[in-house]
Amino acid sequence: MRSEETKRRVLDAAAQLFAQRGFEQVTLREIAKAAGCSHTTIYIYYKDKEALLHELSMPPMQDLRAEFQALLQDAEVAPERKVKRMGQRFLEFCFANRNLYTVFFMTRASRVDQEAPSGNNVQKLRLELFGQLRAAMREFLPSDVGEEYVMGCARVFFYTLHGIVGTYQLSEEPLPELLERLHPTFDLALEAVVSGFQQIAQRGGRDE
């Protein structure tokens, strides 16, 4: 029990420091001090900061991936609704994890259209999430559009979501109030982006 308590203190301290100062700027010694243990104790549980990043990021992001996968496989949900619901859920997830948003999605991240670095499971999971958004976009857009256009739409959609999150990431407004107040605006943004993709495809302004 004491071991699990120490591990939890280390993880909580890492989450707080990463959120405040960024992953690269925080040392294991600082995490140990904040957790109330010696820096050598950390190595009992985590071999390095990458291991802490993995422990913090993987469980919640795996849950989000599972939600996306269930939505993709739900034949009763219309393709357009899948795209919008993924966007809504992504925003809800990021705002619920505002303090760790940068850790989850930005720390040592590569481009979404590049292969994940070998052994970097967090980045692989990020790319899987983007791949699910792209799959939903492929299902939604007309079947005759090219893959380059699908990728472009997926990128724009993804960047739009991150832009929305970044706008309100530092807000101190409680989550329920924030979502209630801005929910109509978020829905309007998603509607505008998704409808725009469809209209451009229908008038031929995309690759064949």
C-alpha atoms as a PDB file:
ATOM      1  CA  MET A   1       0.000   0.000   0.000  1.00  0.00           C
ATOM      2  CA  ARG A   2       2.831   2.391   0.826  1.00  0.00           C
ATOM      3  CA  SER A   3       4.467   1.587  -2.492  1.00  0.00           C
ATOM      4  CA  GLU A   4       1.291   2.398  -4.439  1.00  0.00           C
ATOM      5  CA  GLU A   5       0.842   5.623  -2.477  1.00  0.00           C
ATOM      6  CA  THR A   6       4.386   6.725  -3.310  1.00  0.00           C
ATOM      7  CA  LYS A   7       3.892   5.874  -6.963  1.00  0.00           C
ATOM      8  CA  ARG A   8       0.697   7.911  -7.030  1.00  0.00           C
ATOM      9  CA  ARG A   9       2.410  10.894  -5.394  1.00  0.00           C
ATOM     10  CA  VAL A  10       5.175  10.757  -7.996  1.00  0.00           C
ATOM     11  CA  LEU A  11       2.639  10.599 -10.827  1.00  0.00           C
ATOM     12  CA  ASP A  12       0.559  13.455  -9.389  1.00  0.00           C
ATOM     13  CA  ALA A  13       3.668  15.597  -8.900  1.00  0.00           C
ATOM     14  CA  ALA A  14       4.816  14.904 -12.456  1.00  0.00           C
ATOM     15  CA  ALA A  15       1.400  15.808 -13.857  1.00  0.00           C
ATOM     16  CA  GLN A  16       1.342  19.083 -11.948  1.00  0.00           C
ATOM     17  CA  LEU A  17       4.882  20.095 -12.876  1.00  0.00           C
ATOM     18  CA  PHE A  18       4.506  19.092 -16.523  1.00  0.00           C
ATOM     19  CA  ALA A  19       1.317  21.151 -16.726  1.00  0.00           C
ATOM     20  CA  GLN A  20       2.920  24.181 -15.090  1.00  0.00           C
ATOM     21  CA  ARG A  21       6.312  24.257 -16.774  1.00  0.00           C
ATOM     22  CA  GLY A  22       6.304  21.826 -19.660  1.00  0.00           C
ATOM     23  CA  PHE A  23       7.726  18.340 -20.026  1.00  0.00           C
ATOM     24  CA  GLU A  24      11.218  19.306 -21.158  1.00  0.00           C
ATOM     25  CA  GLN A  25      11.840  21.827 -18.367  1.00  0.00           C
ATOM     26  CA  VAL A  26      11.063  19.508 -15.444  1.00  0.00           C
ATOM     27  CA  THR A  27      13.676  17.182 -13.943  1.00  0.00           C
ATOM     28  CA  LEU A  28      13.189  13.933 -12.093  1.00  0.00           C
ATOM     29  CA  ARG A  29      14.794  15.499  -9.030  1.00  0.00           C
ATOM     30  CA  GLU A  30      12.149  18.219  -9.029  1.00  0.00           C
ATOM     31  CA  ILE A  31       9.395  15.641  -9.371  1.00  0.00           C
ATOM     32  CA  ALA A  32      10.844  13.660  -6.462  1.00  0.00           C
ATOM     33  CA  LYS A  33      11.017  16.765  -4.280  1.00  0.00           C
ATOM     34  CA  ALA A  34       7.404  17.663  -5.056  1.00  0.00           C
ATOM     35  CA  ALA A  35       6.360  14.075  -4.323  1.00  0.00           C
ATOM     36  CA  GLY A  36       8.211  14.055  -1.002  1.00  0.00           C
ATOM     37  CA  CYS A  37      10.640  11.261  -1.839  1.00  0.00           C
ATOM     38  CA  SER A  38      14.265  10.873  -2.884  1.00  0.00           C
ATOM     39  CA  HIS A  39      15.127  11.057  -6.557  1.00  0.00           C
ATOM     40  CA  THR A  40      16.405   7.487  -6.430  1.00  0.00           C
ATOM     41  CA  THR A  41      12.961   6.315  -5.321  1.00  0.00           C
ATOM     42  CA  ILE A  42      11.456   7.393  -8.640  1.00  0.00           C
ATOM     43  CA  TYR A  43      13.644   4.895 -10.499  1.00  0.00           C
ATOM     44  CA  ILE A  44      11.955   2.066  -8.609  1.00  0.00           C
ATOM     45  CA  TYR A  45       8.778   2.857 -10.521  1.00  0.00           C
ATOM     46  CA  TYR A  46       9.817   4.810 -13.632  1.00  0.00           C
ATOM     47  CA  LYS A  47      13.074   4.504 -15.525  1.00  0.00           C
ATOM     48  CA  ASP A  48      12.860   8.034 -16.983  1.00  0.00           C
ATOM     49  CA  LYS A  49      10.528  10.910 -17.828  1.00  0.00           C
ATOM     50  CA  GLU A  50       9.322   9.087 -20.932  1.00  0.00           C
ATOM     51  CA  ALA A  51       7.928   6.376 -18.680  1.00  0.00           C
ATOM     52  CA  LEU A  52       6.068   9.010 -16.678  1.00  0.00           C
ATOM     53  CA  LEU A  53       4.701  10.488 -19.903  1.00  0.00           C
ATOM     54  CA  HIS A  54       3.515   7.025 -20.906  1.00  0.00           C
ATOM     55  CA  GLU A  55       1.857   6.374 -17.546  1.00  0.00           C
ATOM     56  CA  LEU A  56       0.044   9.715 -17.547  1.00  0.00           C
ATOM     57  CA  SER A  57      -1.092   9.688 -21.157  1.00  0.00           C
ATOM     58  CA  MET A  58      -1.895   6.145 -22.208  1.00  0.00           C
ATOM     59  CA  PRO A  59      -4.913   5.124 -20.054  1.00  0.00           C
ATOM     60  CA  PRO A  60      -7.140   8.152 -20.775  1.00  0.00           C
ATOM     61  CA  MET A  61      -6.146   8.294 -24.434  1.00  0.00           C
ATOM     62  CA  GLN A  62      -6.782   4.567 -24.836  1.00  0.00           C
ATOM     63  CA  ASP A  63     -10.272   5.153 -23.476  1.00  0.00           C
ATOM     64  CA  LEU A  64     -10.821   7.886 -26.061  1.00  0.00           C
ATOM     65  CA  ARG A  65      -9.561   5.586 -28.811  1.00  0.00           C
ATOM     66  CA  ALA A  66     -12.041   2.909 -27.715  1.00  0.00           C
ATOM     67  CA  GLU A  67     -14.891   5.440 -27.854  1.00  0.00           C
ATOM     68  CA  PHE A  68     -13.870   6.501 -31.357  1.00  0.00           C
ATOM     69  CA  GLN A  69     -13.651   2.892 -32.507  1.00  0.00           C
ATOM     70  CA  ALA A  70     -17.099   2.067 -31.159  1.00  0.00           C
ATOM     71  CA  LEU A  71     -18.506   5.083 -32.968  1.00  0.00           C
ATOM     72  CA  LEU A  72     -16.795   4.130 -36.229  1.00  0.00           C
ATOM     73  CA  GLN A  73     -18.291   0.648 -36.054  1.00  0.00           C
ATOM     74  CA  ASP A  74     -21.823   1.829 -35.221  1.00  0.00           C
ATOM     75  CA  ALA A  75     -23.759   1.287 -38.440  1.00  0.00           C
ATOM     76  CA  GLU A  76     -26.780   3.155 -37.069  1.00  0.00           C
ATOM     77  CA  VAL A  77     -24.914   6.467 -36.869  1.00  0.00           C
ATOM     78  CA  ALA A  78     -24.788   8.495 -40.069  1.00  0.00           C
ATOM     79  CA  PRO A  79     -21.278   9.258 -41.381  1.00  0.00           C
ATOM     80  CA  GLU A  80     -21.670  13.027 -40.962  1.00  0.00           C
ATOM     81  CA  ARG A  81     -22.828  12.518 -37.398  1.00  0.00           C
ATOM     82  CA  LYS A  82     -19.792  10.326 -36.682  1.00  0.00           C
ATOM     83  CA  VAL A  83     -17.419  13.095 -37.727  1.00  0.00           C
ATOM     84  CA  LYS A  84     -19.219  15.710 -35.657  1.00  0.00           C
ATOM     85  CA  ARG A  85     -19.544  13.451 -32.632  1.00  0.00           C
ATOM     86  CA  MET A  86     -15.840  12.626 -32.763  1.00  0.00           C
ATOM     87  CA  GLY A  87     -15.111  16.337 -32.808  1.00  0.00           C
ATOM     88  CA  GLN A  88     -17.427  16.981 -29.876  1.00  0.00           C
ATOM     89  CA  ARG A  89     -15.963  14.140 -27.877  1.00  0.00           C
ATOM     90  CA  PHE A  90     -12.403  15.228 -28.605  1.00  0.00           C
ATOM     91  CA  LEU A  91     -13.172  18.722 -27.322  1.00  0.00           C
ATOM     92  CA  GLU A  92     -14.848  17.363 -24.212  1.00  0.00           C
ATOM     93  CA  PHE A  93     -11.860  15.116 -23.546  1.00  0.00           C
ATOM     94  CA  CYS A  94      -9.323  17.897 -23.975  1.00  0.00           C
ATOM     95  CA  PHE A  95     -11.220  20.348 -21.785  1.00  0.00           C
ATOM     96  CA  ALA A  96     -11.703  17.706 -19.112  1.00  0.00           C
ATOM     97  CA  ASN A  97      -7.913  17.255 -19.170  1.00  0.00           C
ATOM     98  CA  ARG A  98      -6.957  20.899 -19.661  1.00  0.00           C
ATOM     99  CA  ASN A  99      -3.958  20.703 -17.361  1.00  0.00           C
ATOM    100  CA  LEU A 100      -2.486  17.771 -19.265  1.00  0.00           C
ATOM    101  CA  TYR A 101      -3.612  18.674 -22.783  1.00  0.00           C
ATOM    102  CA  THR A 102      -0.101  19.685 -23.843  1.00  0.00           C
ATOM    103  CA  VAL A 103       1.383  16.541 -22.278  1.00  0.00           C
ATOM    104  CA  PHE A 104      -1.149  14.316 -24.027  1.00  0.00           C
ATOM    105  CA  PHE A 105      -0.901  15.786 -27.514  1.00  0.00           C
ATOM    106  CA  MET A 106       2.118  18.065 -27.867  1.00  0.00           C
ATOM    107  CA  THR A 107       5.027  16.638 -25.894  1.00  0.00           C
ATOM    108  CA  ARG A 108       7.551  15.077 -28.289  1.00  0.00           C
ATOM    109  CA  ALA A 109       4.901  14.867 -30.967  1.00  0.00           C
ATOM    110  CA  SER A 110       5.587  14.334 -34.657  1.00  0.00           C
ATOM    111  CA  ARG A 111       3.411  15.316 -37.608  1.00  0.00           C
ATOM    112  CA  VAL A 112       0.130  13.469 -37.834  1.00  0.00           C
ATOM    113  CA  ASP A 113       1.003  12.148 -41.288  1.00  0.00           C
ATOM    114  CA  GLN A 114       4.365  10.714 -40.239  1.00  0.00           C
ATOM    115  CA  GLU A 115       5.122   7.344 -38.779  1.00  0.00           C
ATOM    116  CA  ALA A 116       5.496   7.249 -35.019  1.00  0.00           C
ATOM    117  CA  PRO A 117       9.054   7.013 -33.661  1.00  0.00           C
ATOM    118  CA  SER A 118      10.024   3.479 -32.769  1.00  0.00           C
ATOM    119  CA  GLY A 119       9.021   2.631 -29.213  1.00  0.00           C
ATOM    120  CA  ASN A 120       7.077   5.862 -28.646  1.00  0.00           C
ATOM    121  CA  ASN A 121       3.714   4.373 -27.729  1.00  0.00           C
ATOM    122  CA  VAL A 122       2.182   7.722 -26.821  1.00  0.00           C
ATOM    123  CA  GLN A 123       2.873   9.106 -30.289  1.00  0.00           C
ATOM    124  CA  LYS A 124       1.572   5.914 -31.883  1.00  0.00           C
ATOM    125  CA  LEU A 125      -1.664   6.384 -29.969  1.00  0.00           C
ATOM    126  CA  ARG A 126      -1.912  10.010 -31.073  1.00  0.00           C
ATOM    127  CA  LEU A 127      -1.573   8.872 -34.675  1.00  0.00           C
ATOM    128  CA  GLU A 128      -4.212   6.191 -34.141  1.00  0.00           C
ATOM    129  CA  LEU A 129      -6.646   8.829 -32.914  1.00  0.00           C
ATOM    130  CA  PHE A 130      -5.937  10.952 -35.975  1.00  0.00           C
ATOM    131  CA  GLY A 131      -6.317   7.854 -38.151  1.00  0.00           C
ATOM    132  CA  GLN A 132      -9.761   7.270 -36.685  1.00  0.00           C
ATOM    133  CA  LEU A 133     -10.771  10.847 -37.486  1.00  0.00           C
ATOM    134  CA  ARG A 134      -9.467  10.337 -41.004  1.00  0.00           C
ATOM    135  CA  ALA A 135     -11.433   7.085 -41.347  1.00  0.00           C
ATOM    136  CA  ALA A 136     -14.618   8.874 -40.285  1.00  0.00           C
ATOM    137  CA  MET A 137     -13.876  11.614 -42.822  1.00  0.00           C
ATOM    138  CA  ARG A 138     -13.336   9.023 -45.566  1.00  0.00           C
ATOM    139  CA  GLU A 139     -16.714   7.462 -44.795  1.00  0.00           C
ATOM    140  CA  PHE A 140     -18.431  10.857 -44.771  1.00  0.00           C
ATOM    141  CA  LEU A 141     -17.016  12.397 -47.955  1.00  0.00           C
ATOM    142  CA  PRO A 142     -18.189  11.351 -51.454  1.00  0.00           C
ATOM    143  CA  SER A 143     -16.627   8.106 -52.555  1.00  0.00           C
ATOM    144  CA  ASP A 144     -15.047   9.656 -55.639  1.00  0.00           C
ATOM    145  CA  VAL A 145     -12.838  12.153 -53.821  1.00  0.00           C
ATOM    146  CA  GLY A 146      -9.130  11.418 -53.715  1.00  0.00           C
ATOM    147  CA  GLU A 147      -7.202  10.390 -50.642  1.00  0.00           C
ATOM    148  CA  GLU A 148      -5.227  13.626 -50.696  1.00  0.00           C
ATOM    149  CA  TYR A 149      -8.438  15.580 -50.198  1.00  0.00           C
ATOM    150  CA  VAL A 150      -9.539  13.243 -47.413  1.00  0.00           C
ATOM    151  CA  MET A 151      -6.197  13.728 -45.672  1.00  0.00           C
ATOM    152  CA  GLY A 152      -6.434  17.482 -46.123  1.00  0.00           C
ATOM    153  CA  CYS A 153      -9.905  17.561 -44.587  1.00  0.00           C
ATOM    154  CA  ALA A 154      -8.764  15.394 -41.686  1.00  0.00           C
ATOM    155  CA  ARG A 155      -5.846  17.720 -41.046  1.00  0.00           C
ATOM    156  CA  VAL A 156      -8.010  20.861 -41.139  1.00  0.00           C
ATOM    157  CA  PHE A 157     -10.574  19.244 -38.844  1.00  0.00           C
ATOM    158  CA  PHE A 158      -7.865  18.160 -36.407  1.00  0.00           C
ATOM    159  CA  TYR A 159      -6.201  21.567 -36.426  1.00  0.00           C
ATOM    160  CA  THR A 160      -9.553  23.260 -35.887  1.00  0.00           C
ATOM    161  CA  LEU A 161     -10.185  21.122 -32.809  1.00  0.00           C
ATOM    162  CA  HIS A 162      -6.761  21.945 -31.398  1.00  0.00           C
ATOM    163  CA  GLY A 163      -7.318  25.624 -32.126  1.00  0.00           C
ATOM    164  CA  ILE A 164     -10.565  25.603 -30.159  1.00  0.00           C
ATOM    165  CA  VAL A 165      -8.892  23.837 -27.252  1.00  0.00           C
ATOM    166  CA  GLY A 166      -5.954  26.250 -27.287  1.00  0.00           C
ATOM    167  CA  THR A 167      -8.302  29.234 -27.130  1.00  0.00           C
ATOM    168  CA  TYR A 168      -9.827  28.108 -23.835  1.00  0.00           C
ATOM    169  CA  GLN A 169      -7.104  25.881 -22.403  1.00  0.00           C
ATOM    170  CA  LEU A 170      -6.022  28.396 -19.764  1.00  0.00           C
ATOM    171  CA  SER A 171      -9.527  29.407 -18.785  1.00  0.00           C
ATOM    172  CA  GLU A 172     -10.225  29.006 -15.077  1.00  0.00           C
ATOM    173  CA  GLU A 173     -13.944  28.622 -15.705  1.00  0.00           C
ATOM    174  CA  PRO A 174     -15.235  25.323 -14.249  1.00  0.00           C
ATOM    175  CA  LEU A 175     -15.658  22.623 -16.888  1.00  0.00           C
ATOM    176  CA  PRO A 176     -19.478  22.247 -16.679  1.00  0.00           C
ATOM    177  CA  GLU A 177     -19.993  26.008 -17.027  1.00  0.00           C
ATOM    178  CA  LEU A 178     -17.466  26.274 -19.837  1.00  0.00           C
ATOM    179  CA  LEU A 179     -19.058  23.479 -21.864  1.00  0.00           C
ATOM    180  CA  GLU A 180     -22.588  24.715 -21.247  1.00  0.00           C
ATOM    181  CA  ARG A 181     -21.722  28.264 -22.280  1.00  0.00           C
ATOM    182  CA  LEU A 182     -19.706  27.365 -25.369  1.00  0.00           C
ATOM    183  CA  HIS A 183     -21.430  24.191 -26.540  1.00  0.00           C
ATOM    184  CA  PRO A 184     -23.509  26.030 -29.191  1.00  0.00           C
ATOM    185  CA  THR A 185     -20.381  27.778 -30.495  1.00  0.00           C
ATOM    186  CA  PHE A 186     -18.445  24.517 -30.701  1.00  0.00           C
ATOM    187  CA  ASP A 187     -21.308  22.832 -32.544  1.00  0.00           C
ATOM    188  CA  LEU A 188     -21.534  25.736 -34.977  1.00  0.00           C
ATOM    189  CA  ALA A 189     -17.792  25.542 -35.658  1.00  0.00           C
ATOM    190  CA  LEU A 190     -17.974  21.800 -36.359  1.00  0.00           C
ATOM    191  CA  GLU A 191     -21.040  22.260 -38.557  1.00  0.00           C
ATOM    192  CA  ALA A 192     -19.346  24.988 -40.573  1.00  0.00           C
ATOM    193  CA  VAL A 193     -16.145  22.998 -41.102  1.00  0.00           C
ATOM    194  CA  VAL A 194     -17.846  19.717 -41.997  1.00  0.00           C
ATOM    195  CA  SER A 195     -20.392  21.365 -44.301  1.00  0.00           C
ATOM    196  CA  GLY A 196     -17.573  23.244 -45.996  1.00  0.00           C
ATOM    197  CA  PHE A 197     -15.706  20.019 -46.730  1.00  0.00           C
ATOM    198  CA  GLN A 198     -18.801  18.541 -48.319  1.00  0.00           C
ATOM    199  CA  GLN A 199     -19.612  21.607 -50.418  1.00  0.00           C
ATOM    200  CA  ILE A 200     -16.062  21.865 -51.764  1.00  0.00           C
ATOM    201  CA  ALA A 201     -16.096  18.179 -52.695  1.00  0.00           C
ATOM    202  CA  GLN A 202     -19.472  18.450 -54.409  1.00  0.00           C
ATOM    203  CA  ARG A 203     -18.441  21.363 -56.609  1.00  0.00           C
ATOM    204  CA  GLY A 204     -15.230  19.628 -57.642  1.00  0.00           C
ATOM    205  CA  GLY A 205     -12.752  21.799 -55.801  1.00  0.00           C
ATOM    206  CA  ARG A 206     -10.586  18.872 -54.708  1.00  0.00           C
ATOM    207  CA  ASP A 207      -8.244  16.246 -56.139  1.00  0.00           C
ATOM    208  CA  GLU A 208      -9.783  13.513 -58.296  1.00  0.00           C
END
